[in-house]
């Protein structure tokens, strides 16, 4: 399966920890100004089926109440070889390297 982002699984975990449904997160994003936020888009982001823009990252971090760096898997920060870490994350079904 081809993946288009590496943050989807982390978005899902943070949404769950915040007690938000996909609909509730989409509504929060819309209120922050992300006009194209829908439950379907959240589902596709979490499933890694769509690319996430840098602007979307700002909206997602604001809606989830975390710094933008927290949207990325921590393995990226601990890796000596960033390219290999990203490849492993892309190949992993759950975004865990």
N, C-alpha and C. Protein backbone atom coordinates (compact mmCIF):
# COMPACT_ATOMS: atom_id res chain seq x y z
N UNK A 1 0.85 -1.18 0.00
CA UNK A 1 0.00 0.00 0.00
C UNK A 1 0.89 1.24 0.00
N UNK A 2 0.56 2.18 -0.84
CA UNK A 2 1.32 3.42 -0.91
C UNK A 2 0.82 4.38 0.16
N UNK A 3 1.77 4.98 0.88
CA UNK A 3 1.39 5.95 1.91
C UNK A 3 1.81 7.34 1.48
N UNK A 4 1.01 8.32 1.84
CA UNK A 4 1.26 9.70 1.43
C UNK A 4 1.66 10.60 2.58
N UNK A 5 1.62 10.11 3.80
CA UNK A 5 2.10 10.90 4.94
C UNK A 5 2.61 9.96 6.03
N UNK A 6 3.37 10.51 6.95
CA UNK A 6 3.87 9.68 8.06
C UNK A 6 3.26 10.10 9.39
N UNK A 7 2.37 11.09 9.36
CA UNK A 7 1.80 11.60 10.61
C UNK A 7 0.43 11.02 10.93
N UNK A 8 -0.18 10.31 10.00
CA UNK A 8 -1.54 9.81 10.20
C UNK A 8 -1.77 9.03 11.48
N UNK A 9 -0.93 8.02 11.76
CA UNK A 9 -1.14 7.26 13.00
C UNK A 9 -1.00 8.13 14.25
N UNK A 10 -0.10 9.10 14.24
CA UNK A 10 0.08 9.98 15.39
C UNK A 10 -1.15 10.89 15.55
N UNK A 11 -1.69 11.37 14.44
CA UNK A 11 -2.92 12.19 14.49
C UNK A 11 -4.04 11.37 15.13
N UNK A 12 -4.17 10.11 14.72
CA UNK A 12 -5.22 9.25 15.28
C UNK A 12 -5.05 9.09 16.79
N UNK A 13 -3.80 8.83 17.24
CA UNK A 13 -3.55 8.66 18.68
C UNK A 13 -3.85 9.95 19.45
N UNK A 14 -3.40 11.08 18.93
CA UNK A 14 -3.64 12.35 19.62
C UNK A 14 -5.12 12.69 19.66
N UNK A 15 -5.83 12.40 18.58
CA UNK A 15 -7.27 12.65 18.55
C UNK A 15 -7.95 11.80 19.61
N UNK A 16 -7.56 10.53 19.69
CA UNK A 16 -8.13 9.62 20.67
C UNK A 16 -7.83 10.10 22.10
N UNK A 17 -6.58 10.50 22.34
CA UNK A 17 -6.20 10.98 23.68
C UNK A 17 -6.96 12.24 24.08
N UNK A 18 -7.35 13.05 23.09
CA UNK A 18 -8.12 14.25 23.36
C UNK A 18 -9.62 13.97 23.45
N UNK A 19 -10.01 12.71 23.26
CA UNK A 19 -11.43 12.34 23.35
C UNK A 19 -12.27 12.90 22.23
N UNK A 20 -11.67 13.06 21.04
CA UNK A 20 -12.38 13.64 19.91
C UNK A 20 -12.74 12.58 18.88
N UNK A 21 -13.94 12.69 18.34
CA UNK A 21 -14.30 11.88 17.19
C UNK A 21 -13.71 12.54 15.95
N UNK A 22 -13.74 11.86 14.83
CA UNK A 22 -13.26 12.47 13.59
C UNK A 22 -14.13 13.68 13.24
N UNK A 23 -15.43 13.58 13.46
CA UNK A 23 -16.34 14.71 13.21
C UNK A 23 -15.98 15.90 14.10
N UNK A 24 -15.72 15.64 15.37
CA UNK A 24 -15.41 16.73 16.31
C UNK A 24 -14.09 17.40 15.94
N UNK A 25 -13.09 16.61 15.52
CA UNK A 25 -11.82 17.20 15.10
C UNK A 25 -12.02 18.03 13.84
N UNK A 26 -12.81 17.53 12.90
CA UNK A 26 -13.09 18.29 11.68
C UNK A 26 -13.76 19.62 11.99
N UNK A 27 -14.70 19.60 12.93
CA UNK A 27 -15.39 20.83 13.33
C UNK A 27 -14.40 21.82 13.96
N UNK A 28 -13.52 21.32 14.83
CA UNK A 28 -12.51 22.18 15.45
C UNK A 28 -11.60 22.80 14.39
N UNK A 29 -11.22 21.99 13.42
CA UNK A 29 -10.36 22.49 12.34
C UNK A 29 -11.07 23.55 11.51
N UNK A 30 -12.34 23.34 11.24
CA UNK A 30 -13.11 24.33 10.48
C UNK A 30 -13.20 25.65 11.24
N UNK A 31 -13.40 25.56 12.55
CA UNK A 31 -13.48 26.78 13.36
C UNK A 31 -12.15 27.53 13.40
N UNK A 32 -11.05 26.79 13.25
CA UNK A 32 -9.72 27.42 13.21
C UNK A 32 -9.41 28.01 11.83
N UNK A 33 -10.22 27.65 10.82
CA UNK A 33 -10.02 28.22 9.49
C UNK A 33 -9.67 27.23 8.40
N UNK A 34 -9.60 25.96 8.72
CA UNK A 34 -9.31 24.94 7.71
C UNK A 34 -10.63 24.56 7.03
N UNK A 35 -10.95 25.29 5.98
CA UNK A 35 -12.27 25.20 5.35
C UNK A 35 -12.58 23.82 4.77
N UNK A 36 -11.57 23.09 4.31
CA UNK A 36 -11.82 21.80 3.68
C UNK A 36 -11.77 20.63 4.65
N UNK A 37 -11.79 20.90 5.94
CA UNK A 37 -11.75 19.82 6.95
C UNK A 37 -13.11 19.12 7.01
N UNK A 38 -13.09 17.82 6.81
CA UNK A 38 -14.29 16.98 6.93
C UNK A 38 -13.91 15.71 7.66
N UNK A 39 -14.90 14.96 8.09
CA UNK A 39 -14.62 13.67 8.72
C UNK A 39 -13.89 12.77 7.74
N UNK A 40 -14.28 12.82 6.48
CA UNK A 40 -13.64 12.01 5.46
C UNK A 40 -12.17 12.35 5.28
N UNK A 41 -11.85 13.64 5.31
CA UNK A 41 -10.45 14.04 5.17
C UNK A 41 -9.64 13.58 6.37
N UNK A 42 -10.21 13.70 7.56
CA UNK A 42 -9.51 13.23 8.77
C UNK A 42 -9.25 11.73 8.65
N UNK A 43 -10.24 10.99 8.20
CA UNK A 43 -10.09 9.55 8.03
C UNK A 43 -8.97 9.24 7.05
N UNK A 44 -8.91 9.96 5.96
CA UNK A 44 -7.87 9.72 4.95
C UNK A 44 -6.49 10.12 5.46
N UNK A 45 -6.41 11.19 6.24
CA UNK A 45 -5.12 11.57 6.84
C UNK A 45 -4.66 10.47 7.78
N UNK A 46 -5.55 10.02 8.66
CA UNK A 46 -5.20 8.98 9.63
C UNK A 46 -4.82 7.66 8.96
N UNK A 47 -5.43 7.37 7.82
CA UNK A 47 -5.12 6.15 7.08
C UNK A 47 -3.95 6.33 6.13
N UNK A 48 -3.39 7.54 6.11
CA UNK A 48 -2.23 7.89 5.29
C UNK A 48 -2.51 7.80 3.80
N UNK A 49 -3.75 8.06 3.41
CA UNK A 49 -4.15 7.98 2.01
C UNK A 49 -4.05 9.32 1.29
N UNK A 50 -3.80 10.40 2.03
CA UNK A 50 -3.66 11.72 1.42
C UNK A 50 -2.40 12.41 1.93
N UNK A 51 -1.90 13.30 1.13
CA UNK A 51 -0.77 14.13 1.49
C UNK A 51 -1.26 15.23 2.42
N UNK A 52 -0.45 15.63 3.38
CA UNK A 52 -0.81 16.66 4.34
C UNK A 52 0.08 17.88 4.09
N UNK A 53 -0.54 19.02 3.82
CA UNK A 53 0.23 20.23 3.53
C UNK A 53 0.83 20.82 4.80
N UNK A 54 1.79 21.69 4.62
CA UNK A 54 2.39 22.34 5.78
C UNK A 54 1.36 23.21 6.50
N UNK A 55 0.45 23.82 5.78
CA UNK A 55 -0.60 24.62 6.42
C UNK A 55 -1.54 23.73 7.24
N UNK A 56 -1.86 22.56 6.69
CA UNK A 56 -2.70 21.61 7.44
C UNK A 56 -2.04 21.20 8.75
N UNK A 57 -0.70 21.08 8.75
CA UNK A 57 0.02 20.74 9.97
C UNK A 57 -0.20 21.78 11.06
N UNK A 58 -0.19 23.06 10.68
CA UNK A 58 -0.43 24.12 11.65
C UNK A 58 -1.84 24.01 12.24
N UNK A 59 -2.83 23.77 11.37
CA UNK A 59 -4.20 23.63 11.85
C UNK A 59 -4.34 22.41 12.76
N UNK A 60 -3.76 21.29 12.36
CA UNK A 60 -3.85 20.07 13.16
C UNK A 60 -3.20 20.24 14.52
N UNK A 61 -2.03 20.86 14.56
CA UNK A 61 -1.38 21.05 15.86
C UNK A 61 -2.20 21.97 16.75
N UNK A 62 -2.80 22.99 16.18
CA UNK A 62 -3.65 23.89 16.97
C UNK A 62 -4.90 23.20 17.49
N UNK A 63 -5.54 22.42 16.64
CA UNK A 63 -6.77 21.73 17.04
C UNK A 63 -6.51 20.66 18.09
N UNK A 64 -5.34 20.02 18.00
CA UNK A 64 -5.01 18.96 18.95
C UNK A 64 -4.27 19.48 20.17
N UNK A 65 -3.91 20.76 20.16
CA UNK A 65 -3.28 21.38 21.32
C UNK A 65 -1.87 20.90 21.59
N UNK A 66 -1.12 20.60 20.54
CA UNK A 66 0.26 20.13 20.69
C UNK A 66 1.18 20.94 19.78
N UNK A 67 2.48 21.01 20.12
CA UNK A 67 3.41 21.65 19.20
C UNK A 67 3.50 20.84 17.91
N UNK A 68 3.78 21.48 16.81
CA UNK A 68 3.82 20.80 15.53
C UNK A 68 4.81 19.63 15.53
N UNK A 69 5.90 19.76 16.25
CA UNK A 69 6.90 18.68 16.30
C UNK A 69 6.31 17.39 16.84
N UNK A 70 5.30 17.50 17.69
CA UNK A 70 4.71 16.32 18.31
C UNK A 70 3.86 15.51 17.32
N UNK A 71 3.55 16.09 16.17
CA UNK A 71 2.77 15.37 15.16
C UNK A 71 3.60 14.30 14.46
N UNK A 72 4.91 14.44 14.51
CA UNK A 72 5.80 13.50 13.85
C UNK A 72 6.21 12.38 14.81
N UNK A 73 6.40 11.18 14.30
CA UNK A 73 6.85 10.08 15.15
C UNK A 73 8.22 10.40 15.77
N UNK A 74 8.38 10.05 17.03
CA UNK A 74 9.62 10.38 17.75
C UNK A 74 10.84 9.69 17.18
N UNK A 75 10.65 8.60 16.47
CA UNK A 75 11.79 7.89 15.88
C UNK A 75 12.56 8.78 14.91
N UNK A 76 11.91 9.76 14.33
CA UNK A 76 12.61 10.67 13.41
C UNK A 76 13.66 11.49 14.12
N UNK A 77 13.40 11.84 15.35
CA UNK A 77 14.33 12.68 16.11
C UNK A 77 15.49 11.88 16.69
N UNK A 78 15.29 10.58 16.85
CA UNK A 78 16.31 9.72 17.45
C UNK A 78 17.17 9.01 16.41
N UNK A 79 16.83 9.16 15.14
CA UNK A 79 17.50 8.41 14.09
C UNK A 79 18.76 9.10 13.59
N UNK A 80 19.79 8.29 13.36
CA UNK A 80 21.03 8.80 12.77
C UNK A 80 20.89 8.93 11.27
N UNK A 81 19.98 8.15 10.67
CA UNK A 81 19.76 8.20 9.23
C UNK A 81 18.28 8.53 8.98
N UNK A 82 17.98 9.78 8.73
CA UNK A 82 16.60 10.24 8.56
C UNK A 82 15.91 9.55 7.39
N UNK A 83 16.62 9.38 6.28
CA UNK A 83 16.02 8.74 5.11
C UNK A 83 15.54 7.32 5.44
N UNK A 84 16.38 6.54 6.10
CA UNK A 84 15.99 5.17 6.46
C UNK A 84 14.81 5.17 7.43
N UNK A 85 14.80 6.08 8.36
CA UNK A 85 13.69 6.16 9.33
C UNK A 85 12.38 6.48 8.62
N UNK A 86 12.41 7.41 7.68
CA UNK A 86 11.20 7.77 6.94
C UNK A 86 10.73 6.58 6.10
N UNK A 87 11.65 5.88 5.45
CA UNK A 87 11.29 4.71 4.64
C UNK A 87 10.62 3.64 5.51
N UNK A 88 11.16 3.38 6.69
CA UNK A 88 10.57 2.39 7.58
C UNK A 88 9.18 2.81 8.02
N UNK A 89 9.00 4.09 8.32
CA UNK A 89 7.68 4.59 8.71
C UNK A 89 6.68 4.44 7.58
N UNK A 90 7.11 4.71 6.35
CA UNK A 90 6.21 4.59 5.20
C UNK A 90 5.81 3.14 4.95
N UNK A 91 6.73 2.22 5.22
CA UNK A 91 6.46 0.81 4.98
C UNK A 91 5.62 0.18 6.10
N UNK A 92 5.65 0.78 7.27
CA UNK A 92 4.92 0.26 8.42
C UNK A 92 3.43 0.55 8.31
N UNK A 93 2.65 -0.43 8.58
CA UNK A 93 1.19 -0.26 8.51
C UNK A 93 0.69 0.75 9.54
N UNK A 94 1.31 0.75 10.72
CA UNK A 94 0.84 1.61 11.81
C UNK A 94 1.73 2.80 12.07
N UNK A 95 2.67 3.08 11.18
CA UNK A 95 3.53 4.24 11.34
C UNK A 95 4.52 4.11 12.47
N UNK A 96 4.95 2.88 12.74
CA UNK A 96 5.92 2.63 13.81
C UNK A 96 7.14 2.01 13.16
N UNK A 97 8.29 2.63 13.36
CA UNK A 97 9.52 2.09 12.76
C UNK A 97 10.18 1.11 13.68
